[in-house]
Amino acid sequence: TDVQMYLFETFGGWCNAVKRLFYQMKDKVRNKLSKRQHEDEASWSTRSWLSLQAQRMSVALQLAAAEEIATELRLAAASEDAAVA
């Protein structure tokens, strides 16, 4: 098993290794959406495989960042409550 680490910026930047990986996958599927992807997942802004996957990755990264922030805020609030009590 080959484990690799990739860098994603919170607001959309991808490291060169990620770009290469996504372009390889794009070429493998000829940048075409499957019938299911086209009917169930694609919007007017995601009419190619690469644009759909980039959008999906962006959403996943934003949700993960929001969850991290929410967790930290809950920990900070709990810590403040404990200090007051």
N, C-alpha and C. Protein backbone atom coordinates (compact mmCIF):
# COMPACT_ATOMS: atom_id res chain seq x y z
N THR A 1 0.84 -1.18 0.00
CA THR A 1 0.00 0.00 0.00
C THR A 1 0.88 1.24 0.00
N ASP A 2 0.54 2.15 -0.88
CA ASP A 2 1.29 3.39 -1.01
C ASP A 2 0.48 4.53 -0.40
N VAL A 3 0.95 5.08 0.71
CA VAL A 3 0.25 6.18 1.37
C VAL A 3 0.93 7.48 0.98
N GLN A 4 0.13 8.44 0.53
CA GLN A 4 0.66 9.73 0.14
C GLN A 4 -0.09 10.83 0.86
N MET A 5 0.61 11.92 1.16
CA MET A 5 -0.01 13.05 1.81
C MET A 5 -0.18 14.17 0.79
N TYR A 6 -1.37 14.75 0.79
CA TYR A 6 -1.68 15.84 -0.14
C TYR A 6 -2.07 17.07 0.64
N LEU A 7 -1.81 18.24 0.06
CA LEU A 7 -2.11 19.51 0.71
C LEU A 7 -3.27 20.18 -0.01
N PHE A 8 -4.29 20.53 0.76
CA PHE A 8 -5.43 21.27 0.25
C PHE A 8 -5.55 22.55 1.06
N GLU A 9 -5.68 23.67 0.40
CA GLU A 9 -5.94 24.93 1.09
C GLU A 9 -7.43 25.01 1.39
N THR A 10 -7.79 25.62 2.48
CA THR A 10 -9.19 25.70 2.88
C THR A 10 -10.05 26.39 1.83
N PHE A 11 -9.51 27.36 1.14
CA PHE A 11 -10.30 28.10 0.16
C PHE A 11 -9.93 27.75 -1.27
N GLY A 12 -9.60 26.49 -1.54
CA GLY A 12 -9.54 26.03 -2.91
C GLY A 12 -8.18 25.73 -3.51
N GLY A 13 -7.09 26.06 -2.87
CA GLY A 13 -5.78 25.77 -3.45
C GLY A 13 -5.41 24.30 -3.32
N TRP A 14 -4.86 23.74 -4.38
CA TRP A 14 -4.41 22.35 -4.38
C TRP A 14 -2.92 22.31 -4.67
N CYS A 15 -2.21 21.43 -3.99
CA CYS A 15 -0.79 21.27 -4.28
C CYS A 15 -0.64 20.61 -5.65
N ASN A 16 0.56 20.70 -6.23
CA ASN A 16 0.80 20.16 -7.58
C ASN A 16 0.53 18.66 -7.67
N ALA A 17 0.82 17.92 -6.60
CA ALA A 17 0.58 16.47 -6.61
C ALA A 17 -0.92 16.17 -6.73
N VAL A 18 -1.75 16.97 -6.07
CA VAL A 18 -3.21 16.79 -6.16
C VAL A 18 -3.68 17.12 -7.57
N LYS A 19 -3.16 18.21 -8.13
CA LYS A 19 -3.53 18.58 -9.50
C LYS A 19 -3.20 17.45 -10.47
N ARG A 20 -1.99 16.92 -10.34
CA ARG A 20 -1.59 15.81 -11.23
C ARG A 20 -2.52 14.62 -11.06
N LEU A 21 -2.85 14.26 -9.83
CA LEU A 21 -3.74 13.13 -9.56
C LEU A 21 -5.11 13.36 -10.19
N PHE A 22 -5.68 14.53 -9.99
CA PHE A 22 -7.00 14.80 -10.55
C PHE A 22 -6.98 14.84 -12.07
N TYR A 23 -5.91 15.38 -12.67
CA TYR A 23 -5.82 15.38 -14.13
C TYR A 23 -5.66 13.96 -14.68
N GLN A 24 -4.95 13.10 -13.97
CA GLN A 24 -4.83 11.70 -14.39
C GLN A 24 -6.19 11.02 -14.34
N MET A 25 -6.94 11.25 -13.26
CA MET A 25 -8.27 10.65 -13.15
C MET A 25 -9.20 11.23 -14.22
N LYS A 26 -9.10 12.53 -14.46
CA LYS A 26 -9.92 13.18 -15.49
C LYS A 26 -9.67 12.55 -16.85
N ASP A 27 -8.40 12.33 -17.17
CA ASP A 27 -8.05 11.71 -18.45
C ASP A 27 -8.58 10.29 -18.54
N LYS A 28 -8.55 9.57 -17.43
CA LYS A 28 -9.01 8.18 -17.43
C LYS A 28 -10.50 8.09 -17.76
N VAL A 29 -11.30 9.04 -17.31
CA VAL A 29 -12.74 9.03 -17.60
C VAL A 29 -13.09 9.97 -18.75
N ARG A 30 -12.07 10.48 -19.43
CA ARG A 30 -12.23 11.40 -20.56
C ARG A 30 -13.03 12.65 -20.18
N ASN A 31 -12.93 13.02 -18.91
CA ASN A 31 -13.60 14.20 -18.36
C ASN A 31 -15.11 14.16 -18.57
N LYS A 32 -15.65 12.97 -18.67
CA LYS A 32 -17.09 12.79 -18.90
C LYS A 32 -17.76 12.29 -17.62
N LEU A 33 -18.94 12.81 -17.37
CA LEU A 33 -19.73 12.35 -16.23
C LEU A 33 -20.43 11.04 -16.60
N SER A 34 -20.60 10.19 -15.60
CA SER A 34 -21.41 9.00 -15.81
C SER A 34 -22.88 9.44 -15.93
N LYS A 35 -23.72 8.56 -16.39
CA LYS A 35 -25.14 8.90 -16.51
C LYS A 35 -25.72 9.28 -15.16
N ARG A 36 -25.39 8.51 -14.11
CA ARG A 36 -25.88 8.80 -12.76
C ARG A 36 -25.37 10.16 -12.27
N GLN A 37 -24.08 10.43 -12.49
CA GLN A 37 -23.54 11.72 -12.07
C GLN A 37 -24.24 12.86 -12.80
N HIS A 38 -24.44 12.68 -14.07
CA HIS A 38 -25.08 13.74 -14.88
C HIS A 38 -26.51 13.98 -14.41
N GLU A 39 -27.25 12.93 -14.12
CA GLU A 39 -28.66 13.06 -13.75
C GLU A 39 -28.85 13.45 -12.29
N ASP A 40 -28.01 12.94 -11.38
CA ASP A 40 -28.25 13.09 -9.95
C ASP A 40 -27.35 14.11 -9.24
N GLU A 41 -26.18 14.39 -9.78
CA GLU A 41 -25.22 15.20 -9.03
C GLU A 41 -24.83 16.50 -9.71
N ALA A 42 -24.86 16.52 -11.02
CA ALA A 42 -24.34 17.68 -11.75
C ALA A 42 -25.32 18.84 -11.72
N SER A 43 -24.77 20.04 -11.72
CA SER A 43 -25.58 21.26 -11.82
C SER A 43 -25.10 22.00 -13.06
N TRP A 44 -25.65 23.17 -13.28
CA TRP A 44 -25.24 23.96 -14.44
C TRP A 44 -23.75 24.29 -14.39
N SER A 45 -23.17 24.31 -13.20
CA SER A 45 -21.75 24.69 -13.07
C SER A 45 -20.81 23.49 -13.08
N THR A 46 -21.36 22.28 -13.16
CA THR A 46 -20.52 21.08 -13.10
C THR A 46 -20.87 20.13 -14.23
N ARG A 47 -20.60 20.54 -15.45
CA ARG A 47 -20.93 19.70 -16.60
C ARG A 47 -19.77 18.85 -17.08
N SER A 48 -18.67 18.84 -16.34
CA SER A 48 -17.56 17.94 -16.66
C SER A 48 -17.19 17.18 -15.39
N TRP A 49 -16.48 16.06 -15.57
CA TRP A 49 -16.08 15.25 -14.42
C TRP A 49 -15.19 16.07 -13.49
N LEU A 50 -14.22 16.78 -14.04
CA LEU A 50 -13.28 17.51 -13.21
C LEU A 50 -13.98 18.62 -12.41
N SER A 51 -14.88 19.36 -13.04
CA SER A 51 -15.57 20.42 -12.31
C SER A 51 -16.45 19.85 -11.20
N LEU A 52 -17.10 18.71 -11.44
CA LEU A 52 -17.92 18.09 -10.40
C LEU A 52 -17.06 17.63 -9.23
N GLN A 53 -15.95 16.98 -9.52
CA GLN A 53 -15.09 16.48 -8.44
C GLN A 53 -14.44 17.63 -7.67
N ALA A 54 -14.06 18.69 -8.36
CA ALA A 54 -13.49 19.85 -7.67
C ALA A 54 -14.52 20.47 -6.74
N GLN A 55 -15.76 20.57 -7.20
CA GLN A 55 -16.81 21.12 -6.37
C GLN A 55 -17.09 20.22 -5.16
N ARG A 56 -17.13 18.92 -5.37
CA ARG A 56 -17.35 17.99 -4.27
C ARG A 56 -16.22 18.08 -3.24
N MET A 57 -14.98 18.18 -3.72
CA MET A 57 -13.84 18.30 -2.81
C MET A 57 -13.92 19.60 -2.02
N SER A 58 -14.30 20.68 -2.68
CA SER A 58 -14.43 21.97 -2.01
C SER A 58 -15.47 21.91 -0.90
N VAL A 59 -16.61 21.30 -1.16
CA VAL A 59 -17.67 21.18 -0.16
C VAL A 59 -17.17 20.35 1.03
N ALA A 60 -16.51 19.24 0.74
CA ALA A 60 -16.00 18.38 1.82
C ALA A 60 -14.99 19.13 2.69
N LEU A 61 -14.10 19.90 2.06
CA LEU A 61 -13.11 20.66 2.83
C LEU A 61 -13.77 21.74 3.67
N GLN A 62 -14.77 22.43 3.12
CA GLN A 62 -15.45 23.48 3.87
C GLN A 62 -16.22 22.91 5.06
N LEU A 63 -16.87 21.76 4.85
CA LEU A 63 -17.59 21.12 5.96
C LEU A 63 -16.63 20.67 7.05
N ALA A 64 -15.49 20.13 6.67
CA ALA A 64 -14.51 19.69 7.66
C ALA A 64 -13.95 20.88 8.44
N ALA A 65 -13.69 21.98 7.76
CA ALA A 65 -13.19 23.18 8.44
C ALA A 65 -14.24 23.73 9.40
N ALA A 66 -15.50 23.75 8.97
CA ALA A 66 -16.58 24.24 9.83
C ALA A 66 -16.74 23.36 11.07
N GLU A 67 -16.62 22.06 10.88
CA GLU A 67 -16.73 21.14 12.02
C GLU A 67 -15.58 21.35 13.00
N GLU A 68 -14.39 21.57 12.48
CA GLU A 68 -13.24 21.84 13.35
C GLU A 68 -13.46 23.11 14.17
N ILE A 69 -13.95 24.16 13.52
CA ILE A 69 -14.20 25.43 14.21
C ILE A 69 -15.26 25.24 15.28
N ALA A 70 -16.35 24.55 14.93
CA ALA A 70 -17.43 24.31 15.90
C ALA A 70 -16.93 23.53 17.10
N THR A 71 -16.10 22.54 16.85
CA THR A 71 -15.54 21.74 17.96
C THR A 71 -14.70 22.62 18.87
N GLU A 72 -13.85 23.45 18.28
CA GLU A 72 -13.00 24.34 19.10
C GLU A 72 -13.85 25.33 19.89
N LEU A 73 -14.91 25.85 19.29
CA LEU A 73 -15.77 26.78 20.01
C LEU A 73 -16.47 26.10 21.18
N ARG A 74 -16.91 24.86 20.98
CA ARG A 74 -17.54 24.12 22.09
C ARG A 74 -16.53 23.87 23.20
N LEU A 75 -15.29 23.52 22.85
CA LEU A 75 -14.27 23.28 23.87
C LEU A 75 -13.95 24.57 24.62
N ALA A 76 -13.87 25.68 23.89
CA ALA A 76 -13.59 26.95 24.55
C ALA A 76 -14.73 27.34 25.47
N ALA A 77 -15.98 27.15 25.04
CA ALA A 77 -17.14 27.49 25.88
C ALA A 77 -17.18 26.61 27.13
N ALA A 78 -16.88 25.33 26.97
CA ALA A 78 -16.87 24.41 28.12
C ALA A 78 -15.77 24.81 29.10
N SER A 79 -14.64 25.21 28.59
CA SER A 79 -13.52 25.62 29.44
C SER A 79 -13.89 26.89 30.22
N GLU A 80 -14.54 27.85 29.54
CA GLU A 80 -14.96 29.09 30.20
C GLU A 80 -16.01 28.80 31.28
N ASP A 81 -16.94 27.90 30.98
CA ASP A 81 -17.97 27.52 31.96
C ASP A 81 -17.34 26.89 33.20
N ALA A 82 -16.34 26.05 32.99
CA ALA A 82 -15.67 25.40 34.11
C ALA A 82 -14.91 26.42 34.96
N ALA A 83 -14.33 27.43 34.33
CA ALA A 83 -13.58 28.44 35.06
C ALA A 83 -14.50 29.30 35.93
N VAL A 84 -15.72 29.53 35.44
CA VAL A 84 -16.69 30.36 36.17
C VAL A 84 -17.27 29.59 37.35
N ALA A 85 -17.45 28.31 37.21
CA ALA A 85 -18.09 27.48 38.23
C ALA A 85 -17.21 27.22 39.40
